PDB file of N, CA and C in Angstrom:
ATOM      1  N   MET A   1     235.975  62.860 215.084  1.00  0.00           N
ATOM      2  CA  MET A   1     235.400  64.059 215.572  1.00  0.00           C
ATOM      3  C   MET A   1     236.395  65.063 216.045  1.00  0.00           C
ATOM      4  N   SER A   2     236.128  66.304 215.683  1.00  0.00           N
ATOM      5  CA  SER A   2     237.084  67.322 215.977  1.00  0.00           C
ATOM      6  C   SER A   2     237.348  67.543 217.442  1.00  0.00           C
ATOM      7  N   ARG A   3     238.533  68.115 217.713  1.00  0.00           N
ATOM      8  CA  ARG A   3     238.833  68.426 219.196  1.00  0.00           C
ATOM      9  C   ARG A   3     237.866  69.447 219.765  1.00  0.00           C
ATOM     10  N   ILE A   4     237.505  70.552 218.897  1.00  0.00           N
ATOM     11  CA  ILE A   4     236.574  71.502 219.341  1.00  0.00           C
ATOM     12  C   ILE A   4     235.307  70.972 219.706  1.00  0.00           C
ATOM     13  N   ARG A   5     234.798  70.051 218.882  1.00  0.00           N
ATOM     14  CA  ARG A   5     233.463  69.463 219.113  1.00  0.00           C
ATOM     15  C   ARG A   5     233.445  68.682 220.537  1.00  0.00           C
ATOM     16  N   ASN A   6     234.541  68.086 220.771  1.00  0.00           N
ATOM     17  CA  ASN A   6     234.707  67.402 222.037  1.00  0.00           C
ATOM     18  C   ASN A   6     234.753  68.245 223.273  1.00  0.00           C
ATOM     19  N   ASN A   7     235.184  69.544 223.095  1.00  0.00           N
ATOM     20  CA  ASN A   7     235.269  70.497 224.204  1.00  0.00           C
ATOM     21  C   ASN A   7     234.170  71.642 223.975  1.00  0.00           C
ATOM     22  N   ARG A   8     232.992  71.205 223.608  1.00  0.00           N
ATOM     23  CA  ARG A   8     231.919  72.195 223.301  1.00  0.00           C
ATOM     24  C   ARG A   8     231.552  72.872 224.640  1.00  0.00           C
ATOM     25  N   SER A   9     231.243  74.115 224.504  1.00  0.00           N
ATOM     26  CA  SER A   9     230.851  74.922 225.661  1.00  0.00           C
ATOM     27  C   SER A   9     229.853  76.035 225.208  1.00  0.00           C
ATOM     28  N   ASP A  10     229.117  76.512 226.184  1.00  0.00           N
ATOM     29  CA  ASP A  10     228.177  77.646 225.978  1.00  0.00           C
ATOM     30  C   ASP A  10     228.860  78.877 225.443  1.00  0.00           C
ATOM     31  N   SER A  11     230.060  79.285 225.849  1.00  0.00           N
ATOM     32  CA  SER A  11     230.784  80.355 225.355  1.00  0.00           C
ATOM     33  C   SER A  11     231.150  80.189 223.930  1.00  0.00           C
ATOM     34  N   ILE A  12     231.600  78.960 223.471  1.00  0.00           N
ATOM     35  CA  ILE A  12     231.995  78.710 222.218  1.00  0.00           C
ATOM     36  C   ILE A  12     230.804  78.755 221.280  1.00  0.00           C
ATOM     37  N   ASP A  13     229.597  78.080 221.776  1.00  0.00           N
ATOM     38  CA  ASP A  13     228.348  78.190 220.932  1.00  0.00           C
ATOM     39  C   ASP A  13     227.980  79.621 220.822  1.00  0.00           C
ATOM     40  N   THR A  14     228.122  80.488 221.773  1.00  0.00           N
ATOM     41  CA  THR A  14     227.724  81.865 221.628  1.00  0.00           C
ATOM     42  C   THR A  14     228.635  82.542 220.583  1.00  0.00           C
ATOM     43  N   LEU A  15     229.994  82.258 220.665  1.00  0.00           N
ATOM     44  CA  LEU A  15     230.845  82.837 219.603  1.00  0.00           C
ATOM     45  C   LEU A  15     230.368  82.507 218.244  1.00  0.00           C
ATOM     46  N   PHE A  16     230.141  81.166 217.947  1.00  0.00           N
ATOM     47  CA  PHE A  16     229.690  80.676 216.717  1.00  0.00           C
ATOM     48  C   PHE A  16     228.251  81.318 216.263  1.00  0.00           C
ATOM     49  N   GLN A  17     227.495  81.433 217.215  1.00  0.00           N
ATOM     50  CA  GLN A  17     226.179  82.161 216.939  1.00  0.00           C
ATOM     51  C   GLN A  17     226.444  83.571 216.459  1.00  0.00           C
ATOM     52  N   ALA A  18     227.255  84.226 217.076  1.00  0.00           N
ATOM     53  CA  ALA A  18     227.629  85.591 216.843  1.00  0.00           C
ATOM     54  C   ALA A  18     228.270  85.696 215.341  1.00  0.00           C
ATOM     55  N   ILE A  19     229.071  84.675 215.076  1.00  0.00           N
ATOM     56  CA  ILE A  19     229.638  84.640 213.718  1.00  0.00           C
ATOM     57  C   ILE A  19     228.614  84.395 212.638  1.00  0.00           C
ATOM     58  N   LEU A  20     227.687  83.489 212.978  1.00  0.00           N
ATOM     59  CA  LEU A  20     226.631  83.270 212.031  1.00  0.00           C
ATOM     60  C   LEU A  20     225.625  84.373 211.941  1.00  0.00           C
ATOM     61  N   SER A  21     225.584  85.339 212.792  1.00  0.00           N
ATOM     62  CA  SER A  21     224.705  86.496 212.680  1.00  0.00           C
ATOM     63  C   SER A  21     225.299  87.585 211.757  1.00  0.00           C
ATOM     64  N   LEU A  22     226.437  87.451 211.436  1.00  0.00           N
ATOM     65  CA  LEU A  22     227.121  88.473 210.493  1.00  0.00           C
ATOM     66  C   LEU A  22     226.493  88.311 209.130  1.00  0.00           C
ATOM     67  N   GLN A  23     226.184  89.489 208.585  1.00  0.00           N
ATOM     68  CA  GLN A  23     225.427  89.545 207.355  1.00  0.00           C
ATOM     69  C   GLN A  23     226.274  89.710 206.013  1.00  0.00           C
ATOM     70  N   ASP A  24     227.467  90.346 206.205  1.00  0.00           N
ATOM     71  CA  ASP A  24     228.429  90.660 205.077  1.00  0.00           C
ATOM     72  C   ASP A  24     229.710  90.841 205.404  1.00  0.00           C
ATOM     73  N   VAL A  25     230.672  90.934 204.490  1.00  0.00           N
ATOM     74  CA  VAL A  25     232.098  91.056 204.787  1.00  0.00           C
ATOM     75  C   VAL A  25     232.359  92.338 205.557  1.00  0.00           C
ATOM     76  N   ASP A  26     231.697  93.350 205.366  1.00  0.00           N
ATOM     77  CA  ASP A  26     231.896  94.605 206.134  1.00  0.00           C
ATOM     78  C   ASP A  26     231.673  94.297 207.596  1.00  0.00           C
ATOM     79  N   GLU A  27     230.556  93.539 207.932  1.00  0.00           N
ATOM     80  CA  GLU A  27     230.223  93.136 209.334  1.00  0.00           C
ATOM     81  C   GLU A  27     231.371  92.279 209.854  1.00  0.00           C
ATOM     82  N   CYS A  28     231.866  91.469 209.072  1.00  0.00           N
ATOM     83  CA  CYS A  28     232.869  90.599 209.433  1.00  0.00           C
ATOM     84  C   CYS A  28     234.201  91.412 209.891  1.00  0.00           C
ATOM     85  N   TYR A  29     234.490  92.382 208.952  1.00  0.00           N
ATOM     86  CA  TYR A  29     235.722  93.268 209.314  1.00  0.00           C
ATOM     87  C   TYR A  29     235.521  93.928 210.656  1.00  0.00           C
ATOM     88  N   ARG A  30     234.209  94.415 210.833  1.00  0.00           N
ATOM     89  CA  ARG A  30     233.967  95.143 212.120  1.00  0.00           C
ATOM     90  C   ARG A  30     233.983  94.261 213.243  1.00  0.00           C
ATOM     91  N   PHE A  31     233.388  93.058 213.208  1.00  0.00           N
ATOM     92  CA  PHE A  31     233.490  92.160 214.372  1.00  0.00           C
ATOM     93  C   PHE A  31     234.763  91.532 214.654  1.00  0.00           C
ATOM     94  N   PHE A  32     235.404  91.065 213.487  1.00  0.00           N
ATOM     95  CA  PHE A  32     236.706  90.389 213.776  1.00  0.00           C
ATOM     96  C   PHE A  32     237.831  91.478 214.111  1.00  0.00           C
ATOM     97  N   GLY A  33     237.579  92.713 213.649  1.00  0.00           N
ATOM     98  CA  GLY A  33     238.554  93.785 213.905  1.00  0.00           C
ATOM     99  C   GLY A  33     238.540  94.016 215.472  1.00  0.00           C
ATOM    100  N   ASP A  34     237.378  93.886 216.120  1.00  0.00           N
ATOM    101  CA  ASP A  34     237.358  93.985 217.521  1.00  0.00           C
ATOM    102  C   ASP A  34     237.692  92.885 218.315  1.00  0.00           C
ATOM    103  N   LEU A  35     237.432  91.670 217.705  1.00  0.00           N
ATOM    104  CA  LEU A  35     237.717  90.397 218.516  1.00  0.00           C
ATOM    105  C   LEU A  35     239.070  90.033 218.437  1.00  0.00           C
ATOM    106  N   LEU A  36     239.824  90.241 217.301  1.00  0.00           N
ATOM    107  CA  LEU A  36     241.115  89.618 217.095  1.00  0.00           C
ATOM    108  C   LEU A  36     242.087  90.800 216.813  1.00  0.00           C
ATOM    109  N   THR A  37     243.433  90.411 217.042  1.00  0.00           N
ATOM    110  CA  THR A  37     244.495  91.394 216.608  1.00  0.00           C
ATOM    111  C   THR A  37     244.679  91.118 215.107  1.00  0.00           C
ATOM    112  N   VAL A  38     245.318  92.122 214.439  1.00  0.00           N
ATOM    113  CA  VAL A  38     245.605  91.991 213.087  1.00  0.00           C
ATOM    114  C   VAL A  38     246.483  90.682 212.785  1.00  0.00           C
ATOM    115  N   GLN A  39     247.436  90.318 213.666  1.00  0.00           N
ATOM    116  CA  GLN A  39     248.205  89.135 213.539  1.00  0.00           C
ATOM    117  C   GLN A  39     247.337  87.872 213.584  1.00  0.00           C
ATOM    118  N   GLU A  40     246.421  87.896 214.530  1.00  0.00           N
ATOM    119  CA  GLU A  40     245.672  86.626 214.658  1.00  0.00           C
ATOM    120  C   GLU A  40     244.797  86.478 213.475  1.00  0.00           C
ATOM    121  N   LEU A  41     244.153  87.600 213.009  1.00  0.00           N
ATOM    122  CA  LEU A  41     243.333  87.423 211.792  1.00  0.00           C
ATOM    123  C   LEU A  41     244.051  87.010 210.586  1.00  0.00           C
ATOM    124  N   SER A  42     245.269  87.605 210.395  1.00  0.00           N
ATOM    125  CA  SER A  42     246.217  87.286 209.323  1.00  0.00           C
ATOM    126  C   SER A  42     246.582  85.835 209.400  1.00  0.00           C
ATOM    127  N   THR A  43     246.794  85.302 210.586  1.00  0.00           N
ATOM    128  CA  THR A  43     247.145  83.906 210.817  1.00  0.00           C
ATOM    129  C   THR A  43     246.109  83.005 210.338  1.00  0.00           C
ATOM    130  N   PHE A  44     244.858  83.295 210.735  1.00  0.00           N
ATOM    131  CA  PHE A  44     243.650  82.478 210.351  1.00  0.00           C
ATOM    132  C   PHE A  44     243.520  82.476 208.654  1.00  0.00           C
ATOM    133  N   ALA A  45     243.645  83.646 208.245  1.00  0.00           N
ATOM    134  CA  ALA A  45     243.481  83.839 206.792  1.00  0.00           C
ATOM    135  C   ALA A  45     244.559  83.023 206.050  1.00  0.00           C
ATOM    136  N   GLN A  46     245.791  83.010 206.655  1.00  0.00           N
ATOM    137  CA  GLN A  46     246.860  82.297 206.024  1.00  0.00           C
ATOM    138  C   GLN A  46     246.574  80.911 205.970  1.00  0.00           C
ATOM    139  N   ARG A  47     246.089  80.310 207.082  1.00  0.00           N
ATOM    140  CA  ARG A  47     245.734  78.914 207.144  1.00  0.00           C
ATOM    141  C   ARG A  47     244.797  78.462 206.146  1.00  0.00           C
ATOM    142  N   LEU A  48     243.773  79.282 205.911  1.00  0.00           N
ATOM    143  CA  LEU A  48     242.758  78.884 204.890  1.00  0.00           C
ATOM    144  C   LEU A  48     243.515  79.001 203.463  1.00  0.00           C
ATOM    145  N   GLN A  49     244.306  79.952 203.291  1.00  0.00           N
ATOM    146  CA  GLN A  49     245.115  80.074 202.053  1.00  0.00           C
ATOM    147  C   GLN A  49     245.896  78.861 201.785  1.00  0.00           C
ATOM    148  N   VAL A  50     246.583  78.425 202.908  1.00  0.00           N
ATOM    149  CA  VAL A  50     247.473  77.122 202.762  1.00  0.00           C
ATOM    150  C   VAL A  50     246.542  75.970 202.455  1.00  0.00           C
ATOM    151  N   ALA A  51     245.445  75.912 203.064  1.00  0.00           N
ATOM    152  CA  ALA A  51     244.471  74.688 202.807  1.00  0.00           C
ATOM    153  C   ALA A  51     244.090  74.730 201.331  1.00  0.00           C
ATOM    154  N   SER A  52     243.793  75.925 200.849  1.00  0.00           N
ATOM    155  CA  SER A  52     243.390  76.044 199.347  1.00  0.00           C
ATOM    156  C   SER A  52     244.523  75.634 198.413  1.00  0.00           C
ATOM    157  N   MET A  53     245.678  76.002 198.767  1.00  0.00           N
ATOM    158  CA  MET A  53     246.839  75.638 197.919  1.00  0.00           C
ATOM    159  C   MET A  53     247.168  74.242 197.989  1.00  0.00           C
ATOM    160  N   LEU A  54     247.073  73.555 199.231  1.00  0.00           N
ATOM    161  CA  LEU A  54     247.265  72.075 199.383  1.00  0.00           C
ATOM    162  C   LEU A  54     246.161  71.412 198.613  1.00  0.00           C
ATOM    163  N   SER A  55     244.879  71.759 198.628  1.00  0.00           N
ATOM    164  CA  SER A  55     243.815  71.216 197.842  1.00  0.00           C
ATOM    165  C   SER A  55     244.109  71.261 196.375  1.00  0.00           C
ATOM    166  N   GLN A  56     244.734  72.360 195.886  1.00  0.00           N
ATOM    167  CA  GLN A  56     245.136  72.386 194.493  1.00  0.00           C
ATOM    168  C   GLN A  56     246.354  71.556 194.118  1.00  0.00           C
ATOM    169  N   GLY A  57     246.891  70.893 195.050  1.00  0.00           N
ATOM    170  CA  GLY A  57     247.982  70.002 194.840  1.00  0.00           C
ATOM    171  C   GLY A  57     249.388  70.508 194.883  1.00  0.00           C
ATOM    172  N   LYS A  58     249.466  71.858 195.356  1.00  0.00           N
ATOM    173  CA  LYS A  58     250.761  72.482 195.453  1.00  0.00           C
ATOM    174  C   LYS A  58     251.621  71.823 196.603  1.00  0.00           C
ATOM    175  N   THR A  59     252.868  71.813 196.406  1.00  0.00           N
ATOM    176  CA  THR A  59     253.819  71.287 197.320  1.00  0.00           C
ATOM    177  C   THR A  59     254.215  72.336 198.417  1.00  0.00           C
ATOM    178  N   TYR A  60     254.639  71.740 199.528  1.00  0.00           N
ATOM    179  CA  TYR A  60     255.106  72.517 200.560  1.00  0.00           C
ATOM    180  C   TYR A  60     256.032  73.633 200.143  1.00  0.00           C
ATOM    181  N   GLU A  61     257.023  73.265 199.370  1.00  0.00           N
ATOM    182  CA  GLU A  61     258.042  74.168 198.932  1.00  0.00           C
ATOM    183  C   GLU A  61     257.474  75.281 197.966  1.00  0.00           C
ATOM    184  N   SER A  62     256.506  74.967 197.136  1.00  0.00           N
ATOM    185  CA  SER A  62     255.915  75.982 196.376  1.00  0.00           C
ATOM    186  C   SER A  62     255.052  76.928 197.176  1.00  0.00           C
ATOM    187  N   ILE A  63     254.398  76.429 198.242  1.00  0.00           N
ATOM    188  CA  ILE A  63     253.552  77.181 199.127  1.00  0.00           C
ATOM    189  C   ILE A  63     254.489  78.226 199.855  1.00  0.00           C
ATOM    190  N   ARG A  64     255.613  77.700 200.475  1.00  0.00           N
ATOM    191  CA  ARG A  64     256.563  78.614 201.169  1.00  0.00           C
ATOM    192  C   ARG A  64     257.103  79.590 200.154  1.00  0.00           C
ATOM    193  N   GLY A  65     257.241  79.266 198.882  1.00  0.00           N
ATOM    194  CA  GLY A  65     257.763  80.234 197.995  1.00  0.00           C
ATOM    195  C   GLY A  65     256.763  81.345 197.576  1.00  0.00           C
ATOM    196  N   GLU A  66     255.501  81.000 197.865  1.00  0.00           N
ATOM    197  CA  GLU A  66     254.470  81.979 197.558  1.00  0.00           C
ATOM    198  C   GLU A  66     253.995  82.927 198.704  1.00  0.00           C
ATOM    199  N   ILE A  67     253.989  82.195 199.892  1.00  0.00           N
ATOM    200  CA  ILE A  67     253.532  82.886 201.107  1.00  0.00           C
ATOM    201  C   ILE A  67     254.546  82.683 202.258  1.00  0.00           C
ATOM    202  N   ALA A  68     254.612  83.592 203.084  1.00  0.00           N
ATOM    203  CA  ALA A  68     255.628  83.540 204.290  1.00  0.00           C
ATOM    204  C   ALA A  68     254.945  82.619 205.266  1.00  0.00           C
ATOM    205  N   THR A  69     255.170  81.461 205.370  1.00  0.00           N
ATOM    206  CA  THR A  69     254.593  80.578 206.379  1.00  0.00           C
ATOM    207  C   THR A  69     255.589  79.419 206.640  1.00  0.00           C
ATOM    208  N   SER A  70     255.437  78.821 207.766  1.00  0.00           N
ATOM    209  CA  SER A  70     256.391  77.842 208.276  1.00  0.00           C
ATOM    210  C   SER A  70     255.932  76.451 207.754  1.00  0.00           C
ATOM    211  N   SER A  71     256.870  75.546 207.653  1.00  0.00           N
ATOM    212  CA  SER A  71     256.565  74.145 207.247  1.00  0.00           C
ATOM    213  C   SER A  71     255.561  73.520 208.283  1.00  0.00           C
ATOM    214  N   SER A  72     255.795  73.914 209.650  1.00  0.00           N
ATOM    215  CA  SER A  72     254.947  73.273 210.556  1.00  0.00           C
ATOM    216  C   SER A  72     253.485  73.804 210.479  1.00  0.00           C
ATOM    217  N   THR A  73     253.267  75.076 210.012  1.00  0.00           N
ATOM    218  CA  THR A  73     251.856  75.455 209.799  1.00  0.00           C
ATOM    219  C   THR A  73     251.338  74.719 208.558  1.00  0.00           C
ATOM    220  N   ILE A  74     252.042  74.530 207.583  1.00  0.00           N
ATOM    221  CA  ILE A  74     251.634  73.706 206.308  1.00  0.00           C
ATOM    222  C   ILE A  74     251.361  72.237 206.710  1.00  0.00           C
ATOM    223  N   THR A  75     252.167  71.620 207.627  1.00  0.00           N
ATOM    224  CA  THR A  75     251.923  70.390 208.078  1.00  0.00           C
ATOM    225  C   THR A  75     250.736  70.176 208.851  1.00  0.00           C
ATOM    226  N   ARG A  76     250.472  71.253 209.771  1.00  0.00           N
ATOM    227  CA  ARG A  76     249.250  71.187 210.571  1.00  0.00           C
ATOM    228  C   ARG A  76     247.969  71.276 209.687  1.00  0.00           C
ATOM    229  N   VAL A  77     248.016  72.238 208.727  1.00  0.00           N
ATOM    230  CA  VAL A  77     246.884  72.271 207.899  1.00  0.00           C
ATOM    231  C   VAL A  77     246.711  71.069 207.047  1.00  0.00           C
ATOM    232  N   ASN A  78     247.664  70.596 206.596  1.00  0.00           N
ATOM    233  CA  ASN A  78     247.580  69.385 205.754  1.00  0.00           C
ATOM    234  C   ASN A  78     247.066  68.190 206.529  1.00  0.00           C
ATOM    235  N   THR A  79     247.480  68.039 207.831  1.00  0.00           N
ATOM    236  CA  THR A  79     247.003  66.920 208.643  1.00  0.00           C
ATOM    237  C   THR A  79     245.445  67.172 208.870  1.00  0.00           C
ATOM    238  N   GLU A  80     245.002  68.343 209.166  1.00  0.00           N
ATOM    239  CA  GLU A  80     243.613  68.569 209.275  1.00  0.00           C
ATOM    240  C   GLU A  80     242.774  68.334 207.974  1.00  0.00           C
ATOM    241  N   LEU A  81     243.467  68.677 206.860  1.00  0.00           N
ATOM    242  CA  LEU A  81     242.822  68.426 205.590  1.00  0.00           C
ATOM    243  C   LEU A  81     242.624  66.951 205.394  1.00  0.00           C
ATOM    244  N   ARG A  82     243.616  66.141 205.692  1.00  0.00           N
ATOM    245  CA  ARG A  82     243.522  64.734 205.508  1.00  0.00           C
ATOM    246  C   ARG A  82     242.790  63.941 206.579  1.00  0.00           C
ATOM    247  N   TYR A  83     242.948  64.309 207.920  1.00  0.00           N
ATOM    248  CA  TYR A  83     242.403  63.538 208.892  1.00  0.00           C
ATOM    249  C   TYR A  83     241.401  64.306 209.828  1.00  0.00           C
ATOM    250  N   GLY A  84     241.096  65.599 209.524  1.00  0.00           N
ATOM    251  CA  GLY A  84     240.331  66.402 210.473  1.00  0.00           C
ATOM    252  C   GLY A  84     238.797  66.135 210.163  1.00  0.00           C
ATOM    253  N   SER A  85     238.018  66.990 210.667  1.00  0.00           N
ATOM    254  CA  SER A  85     236.648  66.792 210.671  1.00  0.00           C
ATOM    255  C   SER A  85     235.922  67.271 209.315  1.00  0.00           C
ATOM    256  N   GLY A  86     236.711  67.667 208.388  1.00  0.00           N
ATOM    257  CA  GLY A  86     236.275  68.136 207.085  1.00  0.00           C
ATOM    258  C   GLY A  86     235.839  69.573 206.934  1.00  0.00           C
ATOM    259  N   GLY A  87     236.143  70.392 207.868  1.00  0.00           N
ATOM    260  CA  GLY A  87     235.790  71.678 207.789  1.00  0.00           C
ATOM    261  C   GLY A  87     236.460  72.454 206.714  1.00  0.00           C
ATOM    262  N   TYR A  88     237.730  72.259 206.539  1.00  0.00           N
ATOM    263  CA  TYR A  88     238.392  72.959 205.442  1.00  0.00           C
ATOM    264  C   TYR A  88     237.906  72.598 204.086  1.00  0.00           C
ATOM    265  N   LYS A  89     237.706  71.331 203.811  1.00  0.00           N
ATOM    266  CA  LYS A  89     237.173  70.779 202.607  1.00  0.00           C
ATOM    267  C   LYS A  89     235.782  71.421 202.227  1.00  0.00           C
ATOM    268  N   MET A  90     234.943  71.411 203.411  1.00  0.00           N
ATOM    269  CA  MET A  90     233.513  72.020 203.196  1.00  0.00           C
ATOM    270  C   MET A  90     233.634  73.521 202.795  1.00  0.00           C
ATOM    271  N   VAL A  91     234.408  74.224 203.581  1.00  0.00           N
ATOM    272  CA  VAL A  91     234.524  75.704 203.303  1.00  0.00           C
ATOM    273  C   VAL A  91     235.038  75.978 201.827  1.00  0.00           C
ATOM    274  N   LEU A  92     236.113  75.289 201.537  1.00  0.00           N
ATOM    275  CA  LEU A  92     236.784  75.483 200.292  1.00  0.00           C
ATOM    276  C   LEU A  92     235.869  75.178 199.149  1.00  0.00           C
ATOM    277  N   GLU A  93     235.081  74.079 199.335  1.00  0.00           N
ATOM    278  CA  GLU A  93     234.130  73.716 198.276  1.00  0.00           C
ATOM    279  C   GLU A  93     233.125  74.760 198.124  1.00  0.00           C
ATOM    280  N   ARG A  94     232.541  75.314 199.220  1.00  0.00           N
ATOM    281  CA  ARG A  94     231.537  76.364 199.162  1.00  0.00           C
ATOM    282  C   ARG A  94     232.146  77.633 198.597  1.00  0.00           C
ATOM    283  N   LEU A  95     233.337  77.986 198.881  1.00  0.00           N
ATOM    284  CA  LEU A  95     234.017  79.127 198.212  1.00  0.00           C
ATOM    285  C   LEU A  95     234.175  78.947 196.773  1.00  0.00           C
ATOM    286  N   LYS A  96     234.650  77.805 196.409  1.00  0.00           N
ATOM    287  CA  LYS A  96     234.843  77.563 195.009  1.00  0.00           C
ATOM    288  C   LYS A  96     233.543  77.640 194.130  1.00  0.00           C
ATOM    289  N   ASP A  97     232.383  77.219 194.792  1.00  0.00           N
ATOM    290  CA  ASP A  97     231.108  77.390 194.087  1.00  0.00           C
ATOM    291  C   ASP A  97     230.618  78.708 194.046  1.00  0.00           C
ATOM    292  N   SER A  98     231.183  79.640 194.912  1.00  0.00           N
ATOM    293  CA  SER A  98     230.605  80.940 194.918  1.00  0.00           C
ATOM    294  C   SER A  98     231.533  82.053 194.427  1.00  0.00           C
ATOM    295  N   SER A  99     232.828  81.657 194.181  1.00  0.00           N
ATOM    296  CA  SER A  99     233.696  82.700 193.587  1.00  0.00           C
ATOM    297  C   SER A  99     234.799  82.020 192.729  1.00  0.00           C
ATOM    298  N   PRO A 100     235.426  82.793 191.826  1.00  0.00           N
ATOM    299  CA  PRO A 100     236.304  82.267 190.902  1.00  0.00           C
ATOM    300  C   PRO A 100     237.684  81.654 191.625  1.00  0.00           C
ATOM    301  N   SER A 101     238.110  82.357 192.615  1.00  0.00           N
ATOM    302  CA  SER A 101     239.460  81.978 193.337  1.00  0.00           C
ATOM    303  C   SER A 101     239.353  82.143 194.787  1.00  0.00           C
ATOM    304  N   VAL A 102     240.043  81.266 195.571  1.00  0.00           N
ATOM    305  CA  VAL A 102     240.162  81.375 196.951  1.00  0.00           C
ATOM    306  C   VAL A 102     241.510  81.965 197.348  1.00  0.00           C
ATOM    307  N   SER A 103     242.621  81.656 196.680  1.00  0.00           N
ATOM    308  CA  SER A 103     243.904  82.150 197.081  1.00  0.00           C
ATOM    309  C   SER A 103     244.313  83.287 196.327  1.00  0.00           C
TER     310      SER A 103
END
């Protein structure tokens, strides 16, 4: 079970409900533009990109050659892919089913 699930709270539930209420990418840009800094949003997007690349079998070295990220970020994402709650795998599978490319 994920660490977030173990620390469930009303405020986190409300945040997730707010995210689920978004209807399209433009609304996501508006909401996340208010909620997060550009750096925070870029960091989250980069983690998803790393997860996609790892799922494609790319090595740490090739990932670092393609995007500016640390080995510790790649390791953290890889650990979650292998031992986490399955969130990355679920989302990557859904993205693969709905679009030609994730990265």
